[in-house]
Amino acid sequence: MEENVDEMNSEWSRLNDADQETTRARNELFARLIKQNKELRQENLDLDEDHRGRKLRNLELMNEIELLSARVQDLQLSLKQYEEDTIAVCLIDGDSAVFSHDLLQRGQDGGAEAARRLKDGLLKHINENHGIKPRETKAMIFMNVFGLGLTLERNGICHSHIFRQFVLGFNQATPLFSIVDVGNGKEAADAKLRESLLLFSRIRQTRYIFFAGTNDGGYIPTLKSMQNEGNIRKMTILEGCARAAFESKRFIEEARIRMMRIPGLFRQERLEDLQAYLLNASRNNVISPMLGSSATTSEAGDVTPSEQGGSQGRLDIGKQTFYINDKK
């Protein structure tokens, strides 16, 4: 009987220990589950917070994109208005920057081609350097048409009547491109060019000025005036004759003025000075100078050669008048 009681007590103890172990294991499992649940809930909260942050950031980015898109449209509109409000002007001393032989010798067709090359070259330069197309592009070439025609003829480049056809072709090619005949007088072209440079540089819409005339250092005071007025930034030197005056080269370098060349447009060699040529030719009786008593006045008041059997024309340089003889 006692042995049965002992066995029952022993079994009870074993079962009790097993129950306690099960309870302990169950409690540990519950604790782990509670801990993992808390961690998962916190992770979920973190993910929700991150999602809300990303969503908010996406909304901010969309707003920025809309603002940038509106800004781009404004800039495009401003650029269009800028282009519509932009004028490019090209001013050329035609007695210094002389067109190439092949253009001059083609007469009217050559003049039209010269205008086309000039305009295309200017627009290409503006587009490549500034990315826009001006609303208007104007070109004015100041020269003594009669005198330059004689010089071209005497240099064996083309006849003077062919040159007049060239001038006609240039003037008819583009409405805003023109060769301006300033007549006789060394300072005639210079004066018009100087005043034109100052005039156009002071016009707000004139944002680009191209100038060919640096063979003569006499333009330096005008360019310095433009520099003092803050307008030299508009200037680009259009290279004509390669032999520019030293003073001009030095000023261009110091003022950091841009330079450009249009291939095949201008001749690179300088023509013989017109007045020097005429004076030299007069000594050889090719062209006769008429001064004071050496000339007579007709009934119409014109000065005529007193003893010249026949003449082709008359040319005034300053106070001196030259008559071109039939014979050479």
C-alpha atoms as a PDB file:
ATOM      1  CA  MET A   1       0.000   0.000   0.000  1.00  0.00           C
ATOM      2  CA  GLU A   2       2.790   2.407   0.921  1.00  0.00           C
ATOM      3  CA  GLU A   3       4.593   1.579  -2.294  1.00  0.00           C
ATOM      4  CA  ASN A   4       1.507   2.579  -4.307  1.00  0.00           C
ATOM      5  CA  VAL A   5       1.305   5.855  -2.457  1.00  0.00           C
ATOM      6  CA  ASP A   6       4.935   6.580  -3.178  1.00  0.00           C
ATOM      7  CA  GLU A   7       4.486   5.805  -6.855  1.00  0.00           C
ATOM      8  CA  MET A   8       1.464   8.060  -7.031  1.00  0.00           C
ATOM      9  CA  ASN A   9       3.339  10.903  -5.358  1.00  0.00           C
ATOM     10  CA  SER A  10       6.244  10.437  -7.718  1.00  0.00           C
ATOM     11  CA  GLU A  11       3.935  10.475 -10.746  1.00  0.00           C
ATOM     12  CA  TRP A  12       2.181  13.539  -9.452  1.00  0.00           C
ATOM     13  CA  SER A  13       5.466  15.352  -9.010  1.00  0.00           C
ATOM     14  CA  ARG A  14       6.504  14.389 -12.546  1.00  0.00           C
ATOM     15  CA  LEU A  15       3.220  15.587 -14.016  1.00  0.00           C
ATOM     16  CA  ASN A  16       3.351  18.777 -11.986  1.00  0.00           C
ATOM     17  CA  ASP A  17       6.889  19.533 -13.251  1.00  0.00           C
ATOM     18  CA  ALA A  18       5.775  18.865 -16.793  1.00  0.00           C
ATOM     19  CA  ASP A  19       2.823  21.215 -16.394  1.00  0.00           C
ATOM     20  CA  GLN A  20       5.069  23.945 -15.039  1.00  0.00           C
ATOM     21  CA  GLU A  21       7.472  23.494 -17.970  1.00  0.00           C
ATOM     22  CA  THR A  22       4.554  23.741 -20.385  1.00  0.00           C
ATOM     23  CA  THR A  23       3.296  26.882 -18.678  1.00  0.00           C
ATOM     24  CA  ARG A  24       6.769  28.425 -18.775  1.00  0.00           C
ATOM     25  CA  ALA A  25       7.176  27.588 -22.451  1.00  0.00           C
ATOM     26  CA  ARG A  26       3.700  28.956 -23.192  1.00  0.00           C
ATOM     27  CA  ASN A  27       4.478  32.186 -21.345  1.00  0.00           C
ATOM     28  CA  GLU A  28       7.765  32.590 -23.231  1.00  0.00           C
ATOM     29  CA  LEU A  29       5.945  32.010 -26.514  1.00  0.00           C
ATOM     30  CA  PHE A  30       3.316  34.596 -25.632  1.00  0.00           C
ATOM     31  CA  ALA A  31       6.041  37.073 -24.664  1.00  0.00           C
ATOM     32  CA  ARG A  32       7.812  36.572 -27.994  1.00  0.00           C
ATOM     33  CA  LEU A  33       4.560  36.961 -29.892  1.00  0.00           C
ATOM     34  CA  ILE A  34       3.721  40.153 -28.032  1.00  0.00           C
ATOM     35  CA  LYS A  35       7.215  41.518 -28.688  1.00  0.00           C
ATOM     36  CA  GLN A  36       7.082  40.626 -32.386  1.00  0.00           C
ATOM     37  CA  ASN A  37       3.620  42.117 -32.635  1.00  0.00           C
ATOM     38  CA  LYS A  38       4.874  45.372 -31.144  1.00  0.00           C
ATOM     39  CA  GLU A  39       7.845  45.380 -33.522  1.00  0.00           C
ATOM     40  CA  LEU A  40       5.586  44.706 -36.514  1.00  0.00           C
ATOM     41  CA  ARG A  41       3.201  47.447 -35.440  1.00  0.00           C
ATOM     42  CA  GLN A  42       6.092  49.890 -35.076  1.00  0.00           C
ATOM     43  CA  GLU A  43       7.488  48.843 -38.452  1.00  0.00           C
ATOM     44  CA  ASN A  44       4.061  49.336 -39.950  1.00  0.00           C
ATOM     45  CA  LEU A  45       3.852  52.765 -38.369  1.00  0.00           C
ATOM     46  CA  ASP A  46       7.292  53.593 -39.758  1.00  0.00           C
ATOM     47  CA  LEU A  47       6.258  52.414 -43.208  1.00  0.00           C
ATOM     48  CA  ASP A  48       3.113  54.480 -43.026  1.00  0.00           C
ATOM     49  CA  GLU A  49       5.161  57.513 -42.000  1.00  0.00           C
ATOM     50  CA  ASP A  50       7.634  56.913 -44.831  1.00  0.00           C
ATOM     51  CA  HIS A  51       4.770  56.458 -47.264  1.00  0.00           C
ATOM     52  CA  ARG A  52       3.189  59.690 -46.136  1.00  0.00           C
ATOM     53  CA  GLY A  53       6.572  61.406 -46.454  1.00  0.00           C
ATOM     54  CA  ARG A  54       7.089  60.053 -49.947  1.00  0.00           C
ATOM     55  CA  LYS A  55       3.597  61.057 -50.916  1.00  0.00           C
ATOM     56  CA  LEU A  56       4.178  64.541 -49.555  1.00  0.00           C
ATOM     57  CA  ARG A  57       7.514  64.749 -51.394  1.00  0.00           C
ATOM     58  CA  ASN A  58       5.842  63.603 -54.602  1.00  0.00           C
ATOM     59  CA  LEU A  59       3.261  66.337 -54.210  1.00  0.00           C
ATOM     60  CA  GLU A  60       6.032  68.874 -53.650  1.00  0.00           C
ATOM     61  CA  LEU A  61       7.890  67.626 -56.740  1.00  0.00           C
ATOM     62  CA  MET A  62       4.729  67.855 -58.820  1.00  0.00           C
ATOM     63  CA  ASN A  63       4.256  71.426 -57.632  1.00  0.00           C
ATOM     64  CA  GLU A  64       7.875  72.218 -58.502  1.00  0.00           C
ATOM     65  CA  ILE A  65       7.409  70.655 -61.945  1.00  0.00           C
ATOM     66  CA  GLU A  66       4.330  72.767 -62.530  1.00  0.00           C
ATOM     67  CA  LEU A  67       6.194  75.894 -61.421  1.00  0.00           C
ATOM     68  CA  LEU A  68       9.176  75.033 -63.639  1.00  0.00           C
ATOM     69  CA  SER A  69       6.890  74.327 -66.591  1.00  0.00           C
ATOM     70  CA  ALA A  70       5.251  77.696 -66.117  1.00  0.00           C
ATOM     71  CA  ARG A  71       8.701  79.284 -65.861  1.00  0.00           C
ATOM     72  CA  VAL A  72       9.806  77.597 -69.088  1.00  0.00           C
ATOM     73  CA  GLN A  73       6.709  78.893 -70.849  1.00  0.00           C
ATOM     74  CA  ASP A  74       7.425  82.374 -69.522  1.00  0.00           C
ATOM     75  CA  LEU A  75      11.028  82.141 -70.714  1.00  0.00           C
ATOM     76  CA  GLN A  76       9.923  80.897 -74.132  1.00  0.00           C
ATOM     77  CA  LEU A  77       7.486  83.783 -74.353  1.00  0.00           C
ATOM     78  CA  SER A  78      10.183  86.217 -73.211  1.00  0.00           C
ATOM     79  CA  LEU A  79      12.613  84.783 -75.779  1.00  0.00           C
ATOM     80  CA  LYS A  80      10.002  85.167 -78.510  1.00  0.00           C
ATOM     81  CA  GLN A  81       9.325  88.738 -77.420  1.00  0.00           C
ATOM     82  CA  TYR A  82      13.091  89.342 -77.246  1.00  0.00           C
ATOM     83  CA  GLU A  83      13.511  88.071 -80.799  1.00  0.00           C
ATOM     84  CA  GLU A  84      10.580  90.156 -81.995  1.00  0.00           C
ATOM     85  CA  ASP A  85      12.157  93.176 -80.313  1.00  0.00           C
ATOM     86  CA  THR A  86      15.692  92.566 -81.622  1.00  0.00           C
ATOM     87  CA  ILE A  87      17.348  94.375 -84.522  1.00  0.00           C
ATOM     88  CA  ALA A  88      20.759  93.568 -85.983  1.00  0.00           C
ATOM     89  CA  VAL A  89      22.595  96.298 -87.900  1.00  0.00           C
ATOM     90  CA  CYS A  90      25.635  95.953 -90.140  1.00  0.00           C
ATOM     91  CA  LEU A  91      27.569  99.113 -91.059  1.00  0.00           C
ATOM     92  CA  ILE A  92      30.374  98.892 -93.602  1.00  0.00           C
ATOM     93  CA  ASP A  93      32.964 101.326 -94.908  1.00  0.00           C
ATOM     94  CA  GLY A  94      32.716 100.310 -98.554  1.00  0.00           C
ATOM     95  CA  ASP A  95      35.879 102.155 -99.516  1.00  0.00           C
ATOM     96  CA  SER A  96      37.886  99.959 -97.099  1.00  0.00           C
ATOM     97  CA  ALA A  97      35.984  96.666 -97.128  1.00  0.00           C
ATOM     98  CA  VAL A  98      35.709  95.850-100.848  1.00  0.00           C
ATOM     99  CA  PHE A  99      33.773  92.839-102.069  1.00  0.00           C
ATOM    100  CA  SER A 100      35.620  89.911-103.628  1.00  0.00           C
ATOM    101  CA  HIS A 101      36.508  89.933-107.323  1.00  0.00           C
ATOM    102  CA  ASP A 102      34.219  87.072-108.315  1.00  0.00           C
ATOM    103  CA  LEU A 103      31.204  88.912-106.904  1.00  0.00           C
ATOM    104  CA  LEU A 104      32.090  92.290-108.411  1.00  0.00           C
ATOM    105  CA  GLN A 105      32.736  90.828-111.853  1.00  0.00           C
ATOM    106  CA  ARG A 106      29.266  89.224-111.989  1.00  0.00           C
ATOM    107  CA  GLY A 107      27.539  92.591-111.950  1.00  0.00           C
ATOM    108  CA  GLN A 108      23.907  92.566-110.829  1.00  0.00           C
ATOM    109  CA  ASP A 109      23.903  88.845-110.028  1.00  0.00           C
ATOM    110  CA  GLY A 110      27.065  89.298-107.990  1.00  0.00           C
ATOM    111  CA  GLY A 111      25.482  92.140-106.024  1.00  0.00           C
ATOM    112  CA  ALA A 112      22.461  89.990-105.172  1.00  0.00           C
ATOM    113  CA  GLU A 113      24.740  87.126-104.163  1.00  0.00           C
ATOM    114  CA  ALA A 114      26.824  89.464-101.975  1.00  0.00           C
ATOM    115  CA  ALA A 115      23.696  90.607-100.134  1.00  0.00           C
ATOM    116  CA  ARG A 116      22.614  87.004 -99.617  1.00  0.00           C
ATOM    117  CA  ARG A 117      26.031  85.920 -98.306  1.00  0.00           C
ATOM    118  CA  LEU A 118      26.185  88.900 -95.976  1.00  0.00           C
ATOM    119  CA  LYS A 119      22.722  88.305 -94.529  1.00  0.00           C
ATOM    120  CA  ASP A 120      23.217  84.551 -94.155  1.00  0.00           C
ATOM    121  CA  GLY A 121      26.581  85.099 -92.475  1.00  0.00           C
ATOM    122  CA  LEU A 122      25.192  87.594 -89.969  1.00  0.00           C
ATOM    123  CA  LEU A 123      22.189  85.425 -89.056  1.00  0.00           C
ATOM    124  CA  LYS A 124      24.376  82.339 -88.706  1.00  0.00           C
ATOM    125  CA  HIS A 125      26.747  84.169 -86.352  1.00  0.00           C
ATOM    126  CA  ILE A 126      23.885  85.438 -84.170  1.00  0.00           C
ATOM    127  CA  ASN A 127      22.227  82.024 -84.015  1.00  0.00           C
ATOM    128  CA  GLU A 128      25.449  80.168 -83.156  1.00  0.00           C
ATOM    129  CA  ASN A 129      26.499  82.652 -80.464  1.00  0.00           C
ATOM    130  CA  HIS A 130      23.143  83.779 -79.044  1.00  0.00           C
ATOM    131  CA  GLY A 131      20.602  81.195 -80.175  1.00  0.00           C
ATOM    132  CA  ILE A 132      18.057  83.644 -81.574  1.00  0.00           C
ATOM    133  CA  LYS A 133      16.933  85.126 -84.876  1.00  0.00           C
ATOM    134  CA  PRO A 134      16.522  88.926 -84.971  1.00  0.00           C
ATOM    135  CA  ARG A 135      13.242  90.379 -86.139  1.00  0.00           C
ATOM    136  CA  GLU A 136      15.049  92.631 -88.614  1.00  0.00           C
ATOM    137  CA  THR A 137      18.550  92.650 -90.055  1.00  0.00           C
ATOM    138  CA  LYS A 138      19.714  95.886 -91.676  1.00  0.00           C
ATOM    139  CA  ALA A 139      22.909  96.553 -93.611  1.00  0.00           C
ATOM    140  CA  MET A 140      24.254  99.871 -94.895  1.00  0.00           C
ATOM    141  CA  ILE A 141      27.428 100.189 -96.954  1.00  0.00           C
ATOM    142  CA  PHE A 142      28.759 103.728 -97.341  1.00  0.00           C
ATOM    143  CA  MET A 143      30.998 104.416-100.322  1.00  0.00           C
ATOM    144  CA  ASN A 144      31.872 106.740-103.176  1.00  0.00           C
ATOM    145  CA  VAL A 145      30.322 104.639-105.939  1.00  0.00           C
ATOM    146  CA  PHE A 146      31.803 106.610-108.829  1.00  0.00           C
ATOM    147  CA  GLY A 147      35.254 106.823-107.296  1.00  0.00           C
ATOM    148  CA  LEU A 148      35.373 103.178-106.270  1.00  0.00           C
ATOM    149  CA  GLY A 149      34.187 102.169-109.734  1.00  0.00           C
ATOM    150  CA  LEU A 150      37.129 104.041-111.252  1.00  0.00           C
ATOM    151  CA  THR A 151      39.542 102.416-108.821  1.00  0.00           C
ATOM    152  CA  LEU A 152      38.218  98.937-109.598  1.00  0.00           C
ATOM    153  CA  GLU A 153      38.533  99.604-113.303  1.00  0.00           C
ATOM    154  CA  ARG A 154      42.073 100.977-113.042  1.00  0.00           C
ATOM    155  CA  ASN A 155      43.072  97.962-110.908  1.00  0.00           C
ATOM    156  CA  GLY A 156      41.782  95.639-113.621  1.00  0.00           C
ATOM    157  CA  ILE A 157      39.064  94.139-111.428  1.00  0.00           C
ATOM    158  CA  CYS A 158      35.921  95.144-113.333  1.00  0.00           C
ATOM    159  CA  HIS A 159      34.577  97.960-115.498  1.00  0.00           C
ATOM    160  CA  SER A 160      32.837 100.796-113.700  1.00  0.00           C
ATOM    161  CA  HIS A 161      29.504 100.088-115.423  1.00  0.00           C
ATOM    162  CA  ILE A 162      29.689  96.470-114.204  1.00  0.00           C
ATOM    163  CA  PHE A 163      30.250  97.814-110.699  1.00  0.00           C
ATOM    164  CA  ARG A 164      27.173 100.019-111.002  1.00  0.00           C
ATOM    165  CA  GLN A 165      25.198  96.906-111.933  1.00  0.00           C
ATOM    166  CA  PHE A 166      26.644  95.210-108.844  1.00  0.00           C
ATOM    167  CA  VAL A 167      25.380  98.088-106.671  1.00  0.00           C
ATOM    168  CA  LEU A 168      21.945  97.803-108.254  1.00  0.00           C
ATOM    169  CA  GLY A 169      21.813  94.051-107.611  1.00  0.00           C
ATOM    170  CA  PHE A 170      22.820  94.490-103.983  1.00  0.00           C
ATOM    171  CA  ASN A 171      20.240  97.206-103.342  1.00  0.00           C
ATOM    172  CA  GLN A 172      17.424  95.214-104.953  1.00  0.00           C
ATOM    173  CA  ALA A 173      18.231  91.902-103.254  1.00  0.00           C
ATOM    174  CA  THR A 174      16.967  92.661 -99.728  1.00  0.00           C
ATOM    175  CA  PRO A 175      14.708  95.542 -98.645  1.00  0.00           C
ATOM    176  CA  LEU A 176      16.866  96.551 -95.652  1.00  0.00           C
ATOM    177  CA  PHE A 177      20.229  96.119 -97.392  1.00  0.00           C
ATOM    178  CA  SER A 178      21.554  99.128 -99.262  1.00  0.00           C
ATOM    179  CA  ILE A 179      24.704 100.664-100.664  1.00  0.00           C
ATOM    180  CA  VAL A 180      24.687 104.381 -99.885  1.00  0.00           C
ATOM    181  CA  ASP A 181      26.504 106.582-102.381  1.00  0.00           C
ATOM    182  CA  VAL A 182      28.107 109.346-100.296  1.00  0.00           C
ATOM    183  CA  GLY A 183      29.678 111.081-103.285  1.00  0.00           C
ATOM    184  CA  ASN A 184      33.128 112.662-103.363  1.00  0.00           C
ATOM    185  CA  GLY A 185      35.154 113.645-100.336  1.00  0.00           C
ATOM    186  CA  LYS A 186      37.367 111.533 -98.117  1.00  0.00           C
ATOM    187  CA  GLU A 187      35.356 112.201 -94.965  1.00  0.00           C
ATOM    188  CA  ALA A 188      31.911 111.663 -96.503  1.00  0.00           C
ATOM    189  CA  ALA A 189      31.682 107.941 -95.737  1.00  0.00           C
ATOM    190  CA  ASP A 190      33.531 108.310 -92.420  1.00  0.00           C
ATOM    191  CA  ALA A 191      31.139 110.947 -91.092  1.00  0.00           C
ATOM    192  CA  LYS A 192      28.029 108.943 -91.974  1.00  0.00           C
ATOM    193  CA  LEU A 193      29.493 105.782 -90.497  1.00  0.00           C
ATOM    194  CA  ARG A 194      30.495 107.454 -87.236  1.00  0.00           C
ATOM    195  CA  GLU A 195      27.058 109.002 -86.717  1.00  0.00           C
ATOM    196  CA  SER A 196      25.289 105.794 -87.718  1.00  0.00           C
ATOM    197  CA  LEU A 197      27.330 103.778 -85.227  1.00  0.00           C
ATOM    198  CA  LEU A 198      26.419 106.119 -82.391  1.00  0.00           C
ATOM    199  CA  LEU A 199      22.778 106.338 -83.448  1.00  0.00           C
ATOM    200  CA  PHE A 200      22.106 102.603 -83.702  1.00  0.00           C
ATOM    201  CA  SER A 201      24.151 101.752 -80.594  1.00  0.00           C
ATOM    202  CA  ARG A 202      21.855 104.002 -78.534  1.00  0.00           C
ATOM    203  CA  ILE A 203      18.665 102.337 -79.753  1.00  0.00           C
ATOM    204  CA  ARG A 204      17.546  99.706 -77.216  1.00  0.00           C
ATOM    205  CA  GLN A 205      16.229  97.286 -79.836  1.00  0.00           C
ATOM    206  CA  THR A 206      19.591  97.267 -81.627  1.00  0.00           C
ATOM    207  CA  ARG A 207      21.258  94.418 -79.774  1.00  0.00           C
ATOM    208  CA  TYR A 208      23.837  93.428 -82.405  1.00  0.00           C
ATOM    209  CA  ILE A 209      26.034  95.779 -84.414  1.00  0.00           C
ATOM    210  CA  PHE A 210      28.426  94.485 -87.040  1.00  0.00           C
ATOM    211  CA  PHE A 211      31.065  96.897 -88.253  1.00  0.00           C
ATOM    212  CA  ALA A 212      33.565  96.627 -91.098  1.00  0.00           C
ATOM    213  CA  GLY A 213      35.863  99.628 -91.336  1.00  0.00           C
ATOM    214  CA  THR A 214      38.766  98.972 -89.030  1.00  0.00           C
ATOM    215  CA  ASN A 215      41.338  99.658 -91.734  1.00  0.00           C
ATOM    216  CA  ASP A 216      41.046 103.303 -90.701  1.00  0.00           C
ATOM    217  CA  GLY A 217      42.027 104.214 -87.129  1.00  0.00           C
ATOM    218  CA  GLY A 218      39.811 107.289 -87.453  1.00  0.00           C
ATOM    219  CA  TYR A 219      36.882 105.263 -86.117  1.00  0.00           C
ATOM    220  CA  ILE A 220      38.558 104.655 -82.762  1.00  0.00           C
ATOM    221  CA  PRO A 221      37.116 107.791 -81.040  1.00  0.00           C
ATOM    222  CA  THR A 222      33.609 106.677 -82.034  1.00  0.00           C
ATOM    223  CA  LEU A 223      34.195 103.153 -80.730  1.00  0.00           C
ATOM    224  CA  LYS A 224      35.557 104.602 -77.489  1.00  0.00           C
ATOM    225  CA  SER A 225      32.406 106.707 -77.141  1.00  0.00           C
ATOM    226  CA  MET A 226      30.356 103.533 -77.528  1.00  0.00           C
ATOM    227  CA  GLN A 227      32.524 101.891 -74.890  1.00  0.00           C
ATOM    228  CA  ASN A 228      32.010 104.771 -72.456  1.00  0.00           C
ATOM    229  CA  GLU A 229      28.237 104.538 -72.987  1.00  0.00           C
ATOM    230  CA  GLY A 230      28.247 100.798 -72.299  1.00  0.00           C
ATOM    231  CA  ASN A 231      27.285  99.863 -75.855  1.00  0.00           C
ATOM    232  CA  ILE A 232      30.525  98.316 -77.096  1.00  0.00           C
ATOM    233  CA  ARG A 233      29.165  94.928 -75.922  1.00  0.00           C
ATOM    234  CA  LYS A 234      26.808  95.055 -78.918  1.00  0.00           C
ATOM    235  CA  MET A 235      29.739  95.311 -81.325  1.00  0.00           C
ATOM    236  CA  THR A 236      31.171  92.590 -83.531  1.00  0.00           C
ATOM    237  CA  ILE A 237      33.925  93.401 -86.007  1.00  0.00           C
ATOM    238  CA  LEU A 238      33.224  92.040 -89.471  1.00  0.00           C
ATOM    239  CA  GLU A 239      36.629  91.462 -90.965  1.00  0.00           C
ATOM    240  CA  GLY A 240      37.152  93.024 -94.376  1.00  0.00           C
ATOM    241  CA  CYS A 241      40.643  93.887 -95.566  1.00  0.00           C
ATOM    242  CA  ALA A 242      43.225  92.006 -93.513  1.00  0.00           C
ATOM    243  CA  ARG A 243      45.543  95.017 -93.218  1.00  0.00           C
ATOM    244  CA  ALA A 244      43.855  96.874 -90.384  1.00  0.00           C
ATOM    245  CA  ALA A 245      45.414  99.891 -88.697  1.00  0.00           C
ATOM    246  CA  PHE A 246      47.576  99.071 -85.684  1.00  0.00           C
ATOM    247  CA  GLU A 247      45.553 101.360 -83.426  1.00  0.00           C
ATOM    248  CA  SER A 248      42.358  99.575 -84.451  1.00  0.00           C
ATOM    249  CA  LYS A 249      43.830  96.151 -83.686  1.00  0.00           C
ATOM    250  CA  ARG A 250      45.060  97.286 -80.289  1.00  0.00           C
ATOM    251  CA  PHE A 251      41.701  98.777 -79.322  1.00  0.00           C
ATOM    252  CA  ILE A 252      39.801  95.667 -80.464  1.00  0.00           C
ATOM    253  CA  GLU A 253      42.022  93.489 -78.285  1.00  0.00           C
ATOM    254  CA  GLU A 254      41.818  95.773 -75.245  1.00  0.00           C
ATOM    255  CA  ALA A 255      38.029  96.167 -75.492  1.00  0.00           C
ATOM    256  CA  ARG A 256      37.625  92.419 -76.152  1.00  0.00           C
ATOM    257  CA  ILE A 257      35.388  93.032 -79.140  1.00  0.00           C
ATOM    258  CA  ARG A 258      34.223  89.911 -80.911  1.00  0.00           C
ATOM    259  CA  MET A 259      35.369  89.344 -84.483  1.00  0.00           C
ATOM    260  CA  MET A 260      33.914  87.328 -87.341  1.00  0.00           C
ATOM    261  CA  ARG A 261      34.656  86.610 -90.975  1.00  0.00           C
ATOM    262  CA  ILE A 262      32.321  85.644 -93.808  1.00  0.00           C
ATOM    263  CA  PRO A 263      34.417  83.518 -96.184  1.00  0.00           C
ATOM    264  CA  GLY A 264      34.508  84.697 -99.774  1.00  0.00           C
ATOM    265  CA  LEU A 265      32.677  87.973 -99.144  1.00  0.00           C
ATOM    266  CA  PHE A 266      35.465  90.594 -99.055  1.00  0.00           C
ATOM    267  CA  ARG A 267      38.829  90.806-100.768  1.00  0.00           C
ATOM    268  CA  GLN A 268      41.794  90.543 -98.416  1.00  0.00           C
ATOM    269  CA  GLU A 269      44.165  92.824-100.338  1.00  0.00           C
ATOM    270  CA  ARG A 270      43.798  96.576 -99.953  1.00  0.00           C
ATOM    271  CA  LEU A 271      43.010  98.593-103.076  1.00  0.00           C
ATOM    272  CA  GLU A 272      45.237 101.515-103.993  1.00  0.00           C
ATOM    273  CA  ASP A 273      44.021 104.667-102.270  1.00  0.00           C
ATOM    274  CA  LEU A 274      41.636 106.502-104.604  1.00  0.00           C
ATOM    275  CA  GLN A 275      42.945 110.012-104.070  1.00  0.00           C
ATOM    276  CA  ALA A 276      46.582 108.912-104.297  1.00  0.00           C
ATOM    277  CA  TYR A 277      45.784 107.042-107.488  1.00  0.00           C
ATOM    278  CA  LEU A 278      44.003 109.978-109.077  1.00  0.00           C
ATOM    279  CA  LEU A 279      46.758 112.398-108.175  1.00  0.00           C
ATOM    280  CA  ASN A 280      49.342 110.057-109.632  1.00  0.00           C
ATOM    281  CA  ALA A 281      47.241 109.461-112.737  1.00  0.00           C
ATOM    282  CA  SER A 282      46.815 113.196-113.279  1.00  0.00           C
ATOM    283  CA  ARG A 283      50.591 113.573-113.544  1.00  0.00           C
ATOM    284  CA  ASN A 284      50.538 111.099-116.410  1.00  0.00           C
ATOM    285  CA  ASN A 285      47.749 113.048-118.170  1.00  0.00           C
ATOM    286  CA  VAL A 286      45.271 110.207-117.655  1.00  0.00           C
ATOM    287  CA  ILE A 287      43.121 112.368-115.413  1.00  0.00           C
ATOM    288  CA  SER A 288      43.444 116.147-115.534  1.00  0.00           C
ATOM    289  CA  PRO A 289      43.154 118.194-112.337  1.00  0.00           C
ATOM    290  CA  MET A 290      41.353 121.522-112.764  1.00  0.00           C
ATOM    291  CA  LEU A 291      41.983 124.244-110.215  1.00  0.00           C
ATOM    292  CA  GLY A 292      41.224 127.988-110.324  1.00  0.00           C
ATOM    293  CA  SER A 293      42.234 129.497-113.653  1.00  0.00           C
ATOM    294  CA  SER A 294      42.788 126.057-115.141  1.00  0.00           C
ATOM    295  CA  ALA A 295      39.040 125.641-115.451  1.00  0.00           C
ATOM    296  CA  THR A 296      36.299 127.718-116.995  1.00  0.00           C
ATOM    297  CA  THR A 297      32.616 128.035-116.128  1.00  0.00           C
ATOM    298  CA  SER A 298      29.887 127.234-118.624  1.00  0.00           C
ATOM    299  CA  GLU A 299      26.650 129.202-119.000  1.00  0.00           C
ATOM    300  CA  ALA A 300      24.952 126.656-116.776  1.00  0.00           C
ATOM    301  CA  GLY A 301      27.522 127.350-114.069  1.00  0.00           C
ATOM    302  CA  ASP A 302      29.336 123.984-114.352  1.00  0.00           C
ATOM    303  CA  VAL A 303      33.100 123.825-114.249  1.00  0.00           C
ATOM    304  CA  THR A 304      34.482 122.534-117.541  1.00  0.00           C
ATOM    305  CA  PRO A 305      38.031 121.867-118.719  1.00  0.00           C
ATOM    306  CA  SER A 306      39.396 124.887-120.516  1.00  0.00           C
ATOM    307  CA  GLU A 307      41.482 123.068-123.069  1.00  0.00           C
ATOM    308  CA  GLN A 308      40.508 119.410-122.872  1.00  0.00           C
ATOM    309  CA  GLY A 309      39.402 118.139-126.251  1.00  0.00           C
ATOM    310  CA  GLY A 310      37.090 115.469-124.843  1.00  0.00           C
ATOM    311  CA  SER A 311      36.372 114.073-121.414  1.00  0.00           C
ATOM    312  CA  GLN A 312      34.401 111.174-120.027  1.00  0.00           C
ATOM    313  CA  GLY A 313      33.519 112.595-116.633  1.00  0.00           C
ATOM    314  CA  ARG A 314      34.365 114.770-113.672  1.00  0.00           C
ATOM    315  CA  LEU A 315      35.321 113.840-110.112  1.00  0.00           C
ATOM    316  CA  ASP A 316      35.636 116.222-107.153  1.00  0.00           C
ATOM    317  CA  ILE A 317      37.940 115.346-104.283  1.00  0.00           C
ATOM    318  CA  GLY A 318      37.894 118.031-101.640  1.00  0.00           C
ATOM    319  CA  LYS A 319      38.528 121.308-103.445  1.00  0.00           C
ATOM    320  CA  GLN A 320      40.124 119.624-106.422  1.00  0.00           C
ATOM    321  CA  THR A 321      38.298 118.545-109.583  1.00  0.00           C
ATOM    322  CA  PHE A 322      39.544 115.760-111.883  1.00  0.00           C
ATOM    323  CA  TYR A 323      38.506 115.274-115.507  1.00  0.00           C
ATOM    324  CA  ILE A 324      38.924 111.886-117.145  1.00  0.00           C
ATOM    325  CA  ASN A 325      40.377 112.050-120.640  1.00  0.00           C
ATOM    326  CA  ASP A 326      39.223 109.974-123.577  1.00  0.00           C
ATOM    327  CA  LYS A 327      42.795 109.012-124.379  1.00  0.00           C
ATOM    328  CA  LYS A 328      45.024 107.118-121.969  1.00  0.00           C
END
